[in-house]
Amino acid sequence: MDLVELVASCPPLDVNSSYCNLLQCSHFARTSVAAEQDGGLVGFVSGYIIPEKPDTLFIWQVAVLEKVRGCGLASRMLDQILTRHTCNQIRYLETTITEDNQASWALFKRFAKTQEADFQASAWMDKEKHFAGQHDSEVLVRIGPFQSQN
């Protein structure tokens, strides 16, 4: 299963273009991770270090195939990214979550707790103002500070 199919099988995630997925896997390879099982893709986390905030990792998307959910794979993938040399200056993690994405809320609240870091949520992108009513509002989540993993 390739990345487009994985994301498509994980509603309510937005399906990115193949071009976007190729950029995630190449330009952002050092801050993204894929999980395979039996030769197939079962999980993917994409992220990047925010250019204006070199101490902040932005997680773009977390996708985990339903058959492997509930075993902590998403948390382990986040941990794996943070232990990389590329992320040795990271003290914060940011992401956006729609109000109704309960799985993501649970993941990132649990992640903050295991990191013993603060969890903050604030309005960010508005459904009408930013998405012309075509996408739910996005809440900005900020976790940290936490100590370097390296």
Protein backbone atom coordinates (compact mmCIF):
# COMPACT_ATOMS: atom_id res chain seq x y z
CA MET A 1 0.00 0.00 0.00
CA ASP A 2 1.54 3.33 -0.93
CA LEU A 3 1.25 6.58 1.01
CA VAL A 4 -1.72 7.95 -0.95
CA GLU A 5 -3.68 4.75 -0.27
CA LEU A 6 -2.66 4.71 3.40
CA VAL A 7 -3.85 8.28 3.98
CA ALA A 8 -7.06 7.65 2.02
CA SER A 9 -7.80 4.70 4.31
CA CYS A 10 -7.45 6.92 7.41
CA PRO A 11 -10.37 9.35 7.47
CA PRO A 12 -10.68 12.17 8.43
CA LEU A 13 -7.18 12.84 7.08
CA ASP A 14 -6.87 15.02 4.00
CA VAL A 15 -5.57 13.12 0.99
CA ASN A 16 -2.56 14.97 -0.36
CA SER A 17 -1.46 14.96 -3.97
CA SER A 18 1.10 12.39 -5.06
CA TYR A 19 3.49 15.29 -5.61
CA CYS A 20 3.03 16.43 -2.00
CA ASN A 21 3.64 12.88 -0.78
CA LEU A 22 6.85 12.68 -2.83
CA LEU A 23 8.04 15.93 -1.23
CA GLN A 24 7.22 14.57 2.22
CA CYS A 25 9.24 11.43 1.51
CA SER A 26 12.21 13.28 0.03
CA HIS A 27 12.55 16.88 1.27
CA PHE A 28 11.21 16.02 4.73
CA ALA A 29 12.64 12.50 5.05
CA ARG A 30 14.69 13.41 8.13
CA THR A 31 11.56 14.53 9.97
CA SER A 32 9.18 11.86 8.71
CA VAL A 33 8.97 8.13 9.30
CA ALA A 34 7.29 5.15 7.67
CA ALA A 35 6.30 1.89 9.37
CA GLU A 36 6.04 -1.34 7.43
CA GLN A 37 4.59 -4.72 8.28
CA ASP A 38 4.84 -7.78 6.08
CA GLY A 39 6.27 -5.63 3.28
CA GLY A 40 3.42 -3.13 3.31
CA LEU A 41 3.11 0.44 4.58
CA VAL A 42 1.02 0.53 7.77
CA GLY A 43 2.00 3.91 9.22
CA PHE A 44 3.48 7.24 8.24
CA VAL A 45 4.21 10.45 10.13
CA SER A 46 5.26 13.52 8.17
CA GLY A 47 6.71 16.62 9.67
CA TYR A 48 9.21 19.42 9.26
CA ILE A 49 11.17 21.88 11.35
CA ILE A 50 9.51 25.28 11.08
CA PRO A 51 12.06 27.61 9.40
CA GLU A 52 11.21 30.57 11.68
CA LYS A 53 11.19 28.33 14.77
CA PRO A 54 14.20 26.00 14.61
CA ASP A 55 13.26 24.52 18.01
CA THR A 56 9.81 23.43 16.78
CA LEU A 57 8.84 20.31 14.86
CA PHE A 58 5.55 20.65 13.00
CA ILE A 59 3.75 17.35 12.47
CA TRP A 60 1.82 17.58 9.23
CA GLN A 61 0.07 14.24 9.26
CA VAL A 62 -0.13 10.97 11.18
CA ALA A 63 -1.60 7.98 9.37
CA VAL A 64 -1.89 4.49 10.86
CA LEU A 65 -3.69 1.64 9.14
CA GLU A 66 -6.71 0.48 11.13
CA LYS A 67 -5.41 -3.08 11.53
CA VAL A 68 -2.42 -1.86 13.57
CA ARG A 69 -4.08 0.87 15.62
CA GLY A 70 -4.10 0.66 19.38
CA CYS A 71 -0.56 -0.67 19.79
CA GLY A 72 1.21 2.67 20.20
CA LEU A 73 2.65 2.81 16.68
CA ALA A 74 1.90 6.52 16.18
CA SER A 75 3.59 7.44 19.46
CA ARG A 76 6.61 5.30 18.64
CA MET A 77 6.92 6.98 15.23
CA LEU A 78 6.82 10.44 16.87
CA ASP A 79 9.45 9.33 19.38
CA GLN A 80 11.61 7.94 16.57
CA ILE A 81 11.63 11.27 14.74
CA LEU A 82 12.54 13.18 17.90
CA THR A 83 15.52 10.91 18.63
CA ARG A 84 17.17 11.74 15.31
CA HIS A 85 20.21 14.00 15.19
CA THR A 86 18.20 16.36 12.95
CA CYS A 87 15.88 17.04 15.91
CA ASN A 88 18.45 17.50 18.66
CA GLN A 89 17.44 21.17 19.10
CA ILE A 90 13.69 20.49 19.12
CA ARG A 91 11.94 21.58 22.32
CA TYR A 92 8.38 21.92 20.96
CA LEU A 93 6.05 19.98 18.74
CA GLU A 94 3.18 21.65 16.91
CA THR A 95 0.37 20.24 14.83
CA THR A 96 -3.16 21.16 13.85
CA ILE A 97 -6.24 19.11 14.60
CA THR A 98 -9.88 19.52 13.65
CA GLU A 99 -12.32 19.57 16.57
CA ASP A 100 -13.84 16.19 15.67
CA ASN A 101 -10.60 14.21 15.18
CA GLN A 102 -10.72 12.40 18.51
CA ALA A 103 -7.93 9.97 17.62
CA SER A 104 -5.47 12.83 17.04
CA TRP A 105 -6.53 14.64 20.20
CA ALA A 106 -5.94 11.46 22.21
CA LEU A 107 -2.58 10.78 20.53
CA PHE A 108 -1.14 14.23 21.11
CA LYS A 109 -2.49 14.58 24.67
CA ARG A 110 -0.97 11.20 25.50
CA PHE A 111 2.28 12.23 23.81
CA ALA A 112 2.46 15.43 25.90
CA LYS A 113 1.85 13.43 29.06
CA THR A 114 4.58 10.88 28.28
CA GLN A 115 6.98 13.74 27.45
CA GLU A 116 5.99 15.48 30.71
CA ALA A 117 5.38 18.59 28.61
CA ASP A 118 2.70 21.26 28.51
CA PHE A 119 -0.19 20.86 26.07
CA GLN A 120 -1.72 24.03 24.65
CA ALA A 121 -4.50 24.35 22.07
CA SER A 122 -5.62 27.56 20.36
CA ALA A 123 -7.82 28.53 17.42
CA TRP A 124 -5.78 28.88 14.25
CA MET A 125 -7.33 28.37 10.82
CA ASP A 126 -11.02 29.17 10.53
CA LYS A 127 -13.42 27.18 8.35
CA GLU A 128 -14.94 30.26 6.70
CA LYS A 129 -12.05 32.70 6.74
CA HIS A 130 -9.28 30.34 5.60
CA PHE A 131 -11.09 27.47 3.87
CA ALA A 132 -14.15 29.17 2.32
CA GLY A 133 -16.34 26.71 4.21
CA GLN A 134 -14.75 23.72 2.42
CA HIS A 135 -12.70 22.36 5.36
CA ASP A 136 -13.25 22.26 9.11
CA SER A 137 -11.43 24.76 11.30
CA GLU A 138 -7.99 23.69 12.51
CA VAL A 139 -6.83 24.08 16.10
CA LEU A 140 -3.11 24.66 16.68
CA VAL A 141 -1.65 22.32 19.28
CA ARG A 142 1.70 23.13 20.89
CA ILE A 143 3.48 20.63 23.13
CA GLY A 144 6.56 21.50 25.12
CA PRO A 145 9.03 22.47 26.17
CA PHE A 146 10.68 19.09 26.47
CA GLN A 147 14.27 18.09 26.83
CA SER A 148 16.28 17.02 23.82
CA GLN A 149 15.91 13.33 23.06
CA ASN A 150 19.54 13.00 21.97
